[in-house]
Every structure is written in structure tokens, then in C-alpha cells.
Amino acid sequence: MRKAYIYIIIICLLASVSCDSDKKKGPVTAKVQSAPYELLVVVNKEWLKTTDGEQFKQMVESPIEGLPQQEPYFRTTYIFPHAFSSTFRTYANILVVESGSKYSRIGLRQATNVYAQPQVIMYLEAPNTGALIEAITTYKDRILHTFNENEFVRERNFLGRNYAKTVHAEALKQFGVSIKIPEVVDAIKKGKDFMWASDTQEDFRQNLCLYTLPMRGLTVENLVEARDSVMKINIPGGNEEQWMETDRRSVMGGMTRVGNRDVLMVRGLWDMRRDAMGGPFVCYAYPDSVNQRVVVAEGFVFAPNKAKRAYVRQMEAALRTMIVEGNTQK
């Protein structure tokens, strides 16, 4: 009897230690396992078959801006709530859709690094299924922006370890800027206040351009005008009547925040004048108050007959790594 009593005490002590250990559990260290630009939506899949559900899917899978053909922001997987097990919990981007009387109004909550990192889980809530369309309409832009920013974090983390060293060194030497771009984009061509780096793959190419402009009123129109002048000089075509230019009908942009910096972002389509070549581009213009100039970093892609979202987004993440040396804003 005494032995049994002692045994019970030991078991209780172990259980207590285990509970204390769980309470003191440190930050999540597991890495996310999903591919870039994948989104997991936890939702009642039967509801997705309804008219409201189809409308919901169209909003979640809305096309990304600035590409020559329609491509959604994310490759989306839908699962029932009961299937949300460990297999799926290592996704980087997770949207949990819930409805019921426990919610008095529509809402959106966010959690980070719950099961892995860097991970964002967003909880879209509504008092009933009829209110879910109102919820996604209200919060769609915020949801897509948040998940997109999380993908930029993942890409920047990767580029911090894997980047084109020669391009990084040349950018520092020629422009006094630090920028980390994909390792394959390492073939450099230099011009006056201009640098062009490209990869050498045959079926598609990612490209980086760096150049400077005078410090003046920075607007979308001014940047596009300057871009066309710079590209005409530095990226000619096969003859004197061909050069890179902007398809001005496609241009969109405005001021945006990168870290602690206000920069001008412009995206759209480029084409080669009097030629069939073209594709998407994105520009970030960084004001450099110390040197009274604007440093422009541009990524553009040539990938005929291929989906272009991943290539453009990877280049955009690279542009957001740029630091102008000597400036206080990083």
C-alpha cells in the first residue's frame, strides 16, 4: 500500500513538472514548410459551393496587379476545420473563416508564429454565414496585404543568406547602396550612373537596374518619364529604332512604406519598341537626402509563356532590401 501511495505521488510530481515545462515553453522554432505564395484557407467547404461561397473564393483568389495575364496573389488550398491538423499547421499564410452566434459582428484577428515561423494566421469572423461576404469585402485588402508582407519577410530572410555577391559589391562601389538580389542575377553591364544585372537562363530572365535621378518632386509621372529616358539609352534593341519603354496604360503606383522609409513604388508593363518582347516591371525610388539624389532600383522580368508572379515578387522583395549608405533611415 505504501509503495502504491509513493508511486501515485511520483506520477503527480512528474505531471506537475510537465505542466510547468509547458508553461515555460519558449518561442516557436519550427520553420514553415509551405512553398512561396501558398495560402491555406480553413473553412466549411460545403459553404464554398454556395453562391456566397463562390463569391468568397473569387475575392480570395483575386488577380495580382501589374502582370500581363491574370494570376492570383496566392495558390490557395481549402480545407475543413476538422482537417486542420499538424500536416497543415506549418503553412506560412493561414486564413481561418468562422461564423456563429458567439460573434456579435464581423471582425478580423491576427496571430503570428503560432505553429511555425515566419507565420501569419488571420481569423475572419462573422455572426452567420450570410455576413461572411460583408466580412471578406471589408477586410480583403488588409488580408492580402498582410499575407503578401509575410512573403516579403520570407524572401528577404532567404536573400540575406543567398544573394549575388558581385552585384552587391558593384552596387556599393558605383552607387553607395547595399542591395541583395537572387544569386542567379549576376551578369553585370555598367553605364553612366546606371547598372544592369541579369541572369543568363534561356527560357526566362530576371533583371535588376540601378540608376540615380536628381532630387526633385517625386511623382509617378516624373518617374515614368525618367525611366523611359534612362532605358532608351541603356537598354537598346536590335537596331536604332528599338529600345525598352513603358506601357503607360498599365502604370500604377504611389508612395509606400519600406521599413522606416517612405519610397515611391511604380509597377506596370514594359515592352521593346517595335518588337514583340515585353513583360512586367516594378520600381522603387529611394530619396537620398544626404547626397541630394533619388536612387531607383527596378526589377523586370522576361518570361514568355510562363507564369510571372513568383519571379516579379522575388525581385520586388530584393528591391526592398536596399539600404542607401550614410542615410539614417534604414
Protein backbone atom coordinates (compact mmCIF):
# COMPACT_ATOMS: atom_id res chain seq x y z
CA MET A 1 0.00 0.00 0.00
CA ARG A 2 2.81 2.38 0.94
CA LYS A 3 4.57 1.64 -2.39
CA ALA A 4 1.39 2.39 -4.32
CA TYR A 5 0.99 5.67 -2.44
CA ILE A 6 4.57 6.70 -3.23
CA TYR A 7 4.07 5.75 -6.88
CA ILE A 8 0.98 7.98 -7.11
CA ILE A 9 2.92 10.91 -5.59
CA ILE A 10 5.74 10.47 -8.13
CA ILE A 11 3.28 10.45 -11.03
CA CYS A 12 1.65 13.66 -9.75
CA LEU A 13 5.03 15.34 -9.39
CA LEU A 14 6.00 14.37 -12.92
CA ALA A 15 2.72 15.71 -14.23
CA SER A 16 3.31 18.95 -12.36
CA VAL A 17 6.81 19.30 -13.81
CA SER A 18 5.42 18.60 -17.26
CA CYS A 19 2.79 21.31 -16.87
CA ASP A 20 5.37 23.80 -15.62
CA SER A 21 7.56 22.91 -18.58
CA ASP A 22 4.69 23.65 -20.98
CA LYS A 23 4.04 26.98 -19.32
CA LYS A 24 7.69 27.94 -19.74
CA LYS A 25 7.78 26.82 -23.34
CA GLY A 26 9.91 29.17 -25.43
CA PRO A 27 9.17 30.77 -28.79
CA VAL A 28 8.18 28.62 -31.75
CA THR A 29 11.28 27.49 -33.64
CA ALA A 30 9.75 25.24 -36.33
CA LYS A 31 10.16 26.63 -39.83
CA VAL A 32 7.24 26.99 -42.20
CA GLN A 33 7.04 24.26 -44.83
CA SER A 34 4.74 25.75 -47.48
CA ALA A 35 6.05 26.95 -50.82
CA PRO A 36 6.21 30.70 -51.52
CA TYR A 37 2.84 32.35 -52.16
CA GLU A 38 0.72 29.49 -50.88
CA LEU A 39 -2.37 30.24 -48.78
CA LEU A 40 -4.32 27.80 -46.63
CA VAL A 41 -7.99 28.66 -46.02
CA VAL A 42 -9.72 26.78 -43.19
CA VAL A 43 -13.44 26.96 -43.96
CA ASN A 44 -16.59 24.90 -44.36
CA LYS A 45 -16.03 23.61 -47.90
CA GLU A 46 -19.73 22.84 -48.34
CA TRP A 47 -20.45 26.56 -47.92
CA LEU A 48 -17.92 27.29 -50.67
CA LYS A 49 -20.27 25.55 -53.12
CA THR A 50 -23.00 28.13 -52.49
CA THR A 51 -23.36 31.38 -54.41
CA ASP A 52 -21.85 33.31 -51.48
CA GLY A 53 -19.06 30.77 -51.22
CA GLU A 54 -18.16 31.16 -54.89
CA GLN A 55 -18.08 34.94 -54.46
CA PHE A 56 -15.85 34.48 -51.43
CA LYS A 57 -13.41 32.38 -53.47
CA GLN A 58 -13.28 34.99 -56.22
CA MET A 59 -12.28 37.62 -53.68
CA VAL A 60 -9.64 35.44 -52.03
CA GLU A 61 -8.22 34.47 -55.43
CA SER A 62 -8.32 37.98 -56.92
CA PRO A 63 -5.60 38.68 -59.51
CA ILE A 64 -2.38 40.48 -58.68
CA GLU A 65 -1.75 43.89 -60.24
CA GLY A 66 0.82 44.69 -62.89
CA LEU A 67 1.10 41.37 -64.74
CA PRO A 68 0.36 40.81 -68.44
CA GLN A 69 -2.03 37.94 -67.67
CA GLN A 70 -4.27 37.23 -64.69
CA GLU A 71 -2.54 35.39 -61.85
CA PRO A 72 -3.88 35.21 -58.27
CA TYR A 73 -1.92 36.58 -55.34
CA PHE A 74 -1.67 33.08 -53.86
CA ARG A 75 -2.10 29.45 -54.77
CA THR A 76 -4.96 28.62 -52.43
CA THR A 77 -5.85 25.37 -50.67
CA TYR A 78 -9.19 24.98 -48.88
CA ILE A 79 -9.72 22.51 -46.03
CA PHE A 80 -12.46 21.74 -43.48
CA PRO A 81 -11.79 22.93 -39.90
CA HIS A 82 -11.57 19.35 -38.62
CA ALA A 83 -8.74 18.68 -41.10
CA PHE A 84 -6.59 21.49 -39.70
CA SER A 85 -4.00 19.14 -38.22
CA SER A 86 -0.22 19.26 -37.89
CA THR A 87 0.12 18.49 -41.60
CA PHE A 88 -1.28 21.92 -42.46
CA ARG A 89 -0.16 23.95 -39.47
CA THR A 90 3.25 24.71 -40.94
CA TYR A 91 1.82 26.86 -43.74
CA ALA A 92 3.22 30.39 -43.70
CA ASN A 93 -0.15 32.01 -44.52
CA ILE A 94 -3.37 30.72 -42.97
CA LEU A 95 -6.86 32.24 -43.13
CA VAL A 96 -9.38 30.73 -40.68
CA VAL A 97 -13.01 31.54 -41.57
CA GLU A 98 -15.50 31.20 -38.72
CA SER A 99 -19.17 32.11 -38.28
CA GLY A 100 -21.64 31.62 -35.45
CA SER A 101 -23.71 33.26 -32.74
CA LYS A 102 -20.67 33.68 -30.50
CA TYR A 103 -19.63 36.57 -32.77
CA SER A 104 -21.78 39.68 -32.43
CA ARG A 105 -20.30 41.40 -35.50
CA ILE A 106 -17.81 40.86 -38.30
CA GLY A 107 -14.16 41.07 -37.33
CA LEU A 108 -10.60 40.17 -38.18
CA ARG A 109 -7.93 38.97 -35.76
CA GLN A 110 -4.28 38.19 -36.41
CA ALA A 111 -1.71 35.94 -34.77
CA THR A 112 1.93 35.36 -35.69
CA ASN A 113 4.26 32.38 -35.36
CA VAL A 114 1.69 30.18 -33.62
CA TYR A 115 2.88 26.84 -35.05
CA ALA A 116 5.92 27.85 -37.15
CA GLN A 117 7.78 30.93 -38.30
CA PRO A 118 7.54 33.26 -40.09
CA GLN A 119 3.80 32.56 -39.99
CA VAL A 120 0.68 34.72 -40.08
CA ILE A 121 -2.75 33.36 -39.16
CA MET A 122 -5.77 35.60 -39.75
CA TYR A 123 -9.18 34.82 -38.28
CA LEU A 124 -12.14 36.18 -40.28
CA GLU A 125 -15.24 36.15 -38.08
CA ALA A 126 -18.94 36.78 -38.69
CA PRO A 127 -22.18 36.17 -36.72
CA ASN A 128 -23.58 34.00 -39.54
CA THR A 129 -22.63 32.72 -42.99
CA GLY A 130 -24.66 35.49 -44.62
CA ALA A 131 -22.32 38.07 -43.11
CA LEU A 132 -19.14 36.41 -44.38
CA ILE A 133 -19.32 38.22 -47.72
CA GLU A 134 -19.52 41.55 -45.88
CA ALA A 135 -16.52 40.45 -43.81
CA ILE A 136 -14.31 39.49 -46.76
CA THR A 137 -15.37 42.61 -48.68
CA THR A 138 -14.41 44.78 -45.71
CA TYR A 139 -11.09 43.10 -44.96
CA LYS A 140 -9.92 41.64 -48.29
CA ASP A 141 -7.26 44.28 -48.97
CA ARG A 142 -5.89 44.04 -45.44
CA ILE A 143 -5.78 40.25 -45.59
CA LEU A 144 -3.95 40.12 -48.93
CA HIS A 145 -1.56 42.90 -47.90
CA THR A 146 -0.68 41.15 -44.63
CA PHE A 147 -0.01 37.79 -46.26
CA ASN A 148 1.95 39.47 -49.05
CA GLU A 149 4.13 41.29 -46.50
CA ASN A 150 4.76 37.96 -44.79
CA GLU A 151 6.03 36.54 -48.09
CA PHE A 152 8.36 39.53 -48.44
CA VAL A 153 9.74 38.72 -44.99
CA ARG A 154 10.39 35.12 -46.03
CA GLU A 155 12.08 36.18 -49.25
CA ARG A 156 14.23 38.84 -47.56
CA ASN A 157 15.33 36.31 -44.96
CA PHE A 158 16.38 33.96 -47.75
CA LEU A 159 18.16 36.71 -49.69
CA GLY A 160 20.02 37.71 -46.55
CA ARG A 161 21.90 34.42 -46.83
CA ASN A 162 21.77 33.78 -50.59
CA TYR A 163 22.43 36.77 -52.81
CA ALA A 164 24.57 37.82 -55.77
CA LYS A 165 27.83 38.90 -54.13
CA THR A 166 29.28 40.52 -57.26
CA VAL A 167 26.19 42.68 -57.78
CA HIS A 168 26.16 43.65 -54.11
CA ALA A 169 29.80 44.75 -54.31
CA GLU A 170 29.30 46.69 -57.56
CA ALA A 171 26.21 48.48 -56.19
CA LEU A 172 28.20 49.59 -53.16
CA LYS A 173 31.09 50.76 -55.33
CA GLN A 174 29.08 52.57 -58.01
CA PHE A 175 26.08 53.90 -56.06
CA GLY A 176 26.90 53.55 -52.37
CA VAL A 177 23.91 51.29 -51.80
CA SER A 178 23.52 47.79 -50.41
CA ILE A 179 21.08 45.54 -52.23
CA LYS A 180 20.65 41.76 -52.15
CA ILE A 181 19.21 40.12 -55.24
CA PRO A 182 18.88 36.45 -56.27
CA GLU A 183 22.22 34.71 -56.79
CA VAL A 184 21.47 33.86 -60.44
CA VAL A 185 21.11 37.54 -61.35
CA ASP A 186 24.84 38.16 -61.56
CA ALA A 187 25.74 39.20 -65.15
CA ILE A 188 26.58 42.92 -64.92
CA LYS A 189 26.54 45.66 -67.55
CA LYS A 190 27.55 49.18 -66.47
CA GLY A 191 26.67 52.57 -67.92
CA LYS A 192 26.90 56.17 -66.78
CA ASP A 193 25.10 56.28 -63.42
CA PHE A 194 23.48 53.01 -64.46
CA MET A 195 23.91 49.31 -63.71
CA TRP A 196 22.05 46.38 -65.25
CA ALA A 197 22.30 42.89 -63.76
CA SER A 198 20.65 39.89 -65.41
CA ASP A 199 20.64 36.14 -65.19
CA THR A 200 21.64 34.03 -68.18
CA GLN A 201 18.87 31.45 -68.33
CA GLU A 202 17.43 30.85 -71.78
CA ASP A 203 13.70 30.43 -71.11
CA PHE A 204 13.23 33.36 -68.69
CA ARG A 205 15.25 36.16 -67.17
CA GLN A 206 15.08 38.27 -64.05
CA ASN A 207 16.78 41.66 -64.21
CA LEU A 208 17.85 44.45 -61.89
CA CYS A 209 18.54 48.05 -62.90
CA LEU A 210 20.01 50.72 -60.64
CA TYR A 211 20.22 54.39 -61.59
CA THR A 212 20.03 57.84 -60.00
CA LEU A 213 17.87 60.90 -60.59
CA PRO A 214 18.12 64.47 -59.34
CA MET A 215 16.31 65.20 -56.07
CA ARG A 216 13.10 66.93 -57.13
CA GLY A 217 9.35 66.45 -56.99
CA LEU A 218 8.95 62.66 -56.92
CA THR A 219 5.74 61.55 -58.63
CA VAL A 220 4.62 58.53 -60.62
CA GLU A 221 4.56 60.62 -63.80
CA ASN A 222 8.07 62.01 -63.25
CA LEU A 223 9.49 58.57 -62.50
CA VAL A 224 7.94 57.01 -65.62
CA GLU A 225 9.24 59.86 -67.76
CA ALA A 226 12.73 59.43 -66.33
CA ARG A 227 12.55 55.66 -66.67
CA ASP A 228 11.83 55.88 -70.39
CA SER A 229 14.77 58.26 -70.91
CA VAL A 230 17.18 56.05 -68.96
CA MET A 231 16.08 52.80 -70.61
CA LYS A 232 16.24 54.27 -74.12
CA ILE A 233 19.94 54.98 -73.57
CA ASN A 234 20.92 51.86 -71.63
CA ILE A 235 18.69 49.02 -72.89
CA PRO A 236 18.51 49.30 -76.69
CA GLY A 237 17.08 46.66 -79.01
CA GLY A 238 18.49 45.04 -82.09
CA ASN A 239 18.50 48.25 -84.17
CA GLU A 240 18.44 52.00 -83.63
CA GLU A 241 14.64 52.14 -83.68
CA GLN A 242 14.25 49.68 -80.81
CA TRP A 243 14.60 50.30 -77.08
CA MET A 244 12.82 49.48 -73.82
CA GLU A 245 9.83 51.68 -73.00
CA THR A 246 6.94 51.78 -70.56
CA ASP A 247 3.40 50.76 -71.50
CA ARG A 248 1.91 53.81 -69.82
CA ARG A 249 -1.62 52.41 -69.87
CA SER A 250 -0.52 49.77 -67.37
CA VAL A 251 1.23 52.02 -64.84
CA MET A 252 0.11 52.17 -61.21
CA GLY A 253 1.86 53.20 -58.03
CA GLY A 254 2.29 55.71 -55.23
CA MET A 255 4.18 56.31 -52.02
CA THR A 256 4.64 53.28 -49.80
CA ARG A 257 6.46 52.36 -46.61
CA VAL A 258 9.51 50.10 -46.60
CA GLY A 259 10.80 49.69 -43.07
CA ASN A 260 11.14 53.26 -41.78
CA ARG A 261 11.40 54.78 -45.24
CA ASP A 262 8.86 56.49 -47.48
CA VAL A 263 9.58 55.45 -51.06
CA LEU A 264 7.80 55.77 -54.38
CA MET A 265 6.68 52.46 -55.89
CA VAL A 266 5.65 52.10 -59.54
CA ARG A 267 4.66 48.90 -61.31
CA GLY A 268 3.40 48.07 -64.77
CA LEU A 269 4.41 46.57 -68.10
CA TRP A 270 7.43 47.23 -70.31
CA ASP A 271 7.90 46.45 -73.98
CA MET A 272 10.62 46.71 -76.57
CA ARG A 273 9.66 49.40 -79.06
CA ARG A 274 8.84 47.90 -82.48
CA ASP A 275 9.48 44.38 -81.19
CA ALA A 276 7.42 41.61 -79.61
CA MET A 277 9.36 41.50 -76.33
CA GLY A 278 7.76 42.64 -73.08
CA GLY A 279 6.84 41.78 -69.52
CA PRO A 280 6.21 43.19 -66.03
CA PHE A 281 8.40 45.58 -64.03
CA VAL A 282 8.41 47.16 -60.59
CA CYS A 283 10.40 50.24 -59.46
CA TYR A 284 11.26 51.55 -56.00
CA ALA A 285 12.62 55.12 -55.86
CA TYR A 286 14.55 55.86 -52.64
CA PRO A 287 15.14 59.52 -51.74
CA ASP A 288 18.75 60.07 -50.65
CA SER A 289 18.75 63.38 -48.77
CA VAL A 290 22.43 63.11 -47.82
CA ASN A 291 23.56 63.13 -51.47
CA GLN A 292 20.60 65.13 -52.84
CA ARG A 293 19.53 62.44 -55.27
CA VAL A 294 16.99 59.66 -55.78
CA VAL A 295 18.25 56.09 -56.18
CA VAL A 296 15.97 53.95 -58.34
CA ALA A 297 16.00 50.17 -58.09
CA GLU A 298 13.98 48.33 -60.71
CA GLY A 299 13.25 44.67 -61.29
CA PHE A 300 11.87 43.49 -64.59
CA VAL A 301 11.11 40.05 -65.95
CA PHE A 302 11.13 38.48 -69.39
CA ALA A 303 9.41 35.10 -69.23
CA PRO A 304 7.36 34.37 -72.35
CA ASN A 305 4.66 31.71 -71.96
CA LYS A 306 5.33 31.41 -68.21
CA ALA A 307 3.57 32.49 -65.04
CA LYS A 308 5.41 35.55 -63.79
CA ARG A 309 4.09 36.23 -60.29
CA ALA A 310 6.85 34.42 -58.39
CA TYR A 311 9.66 35.99 -60.46
CA VAL A 312 8.31 39.54 -60.09
CA ARG A 313 7.59 39.15 -56.38
CA GLN A 314 11.08 37.77 -55.76
CA MET A 315 12.61 40.78 -57.50
CA GLU A 316 10.34 43.13 -55.57
CA ALA A 317 11.47 41.59 -52.30
CA ALA A 318 15.05 42.18 -53.44
CA LEU A 319 14.35 45.86 -54.16
CA ARG A 320 13.07 46.22 -50.60
CA THR A 321 16.44 45.11 -49.18
CA MET A 322 18.14 48.25 -50.46
CA ILE A 323 19.93 50.48 -47.96
CA VAL A 324 21.38 53.82 -49.03
CA GLU A 325 24.69 54.06 -47.18
CA GLY A 326 25.07 57.13 -44.98
CA ASN A 327 21.33 57.76 -44.64
CA THR A 328 19.77 57.47 -41.21
CA GLN A 329 16.60 55.78 -42.47
CA LYS A 330 17.09 52.02 -42.97
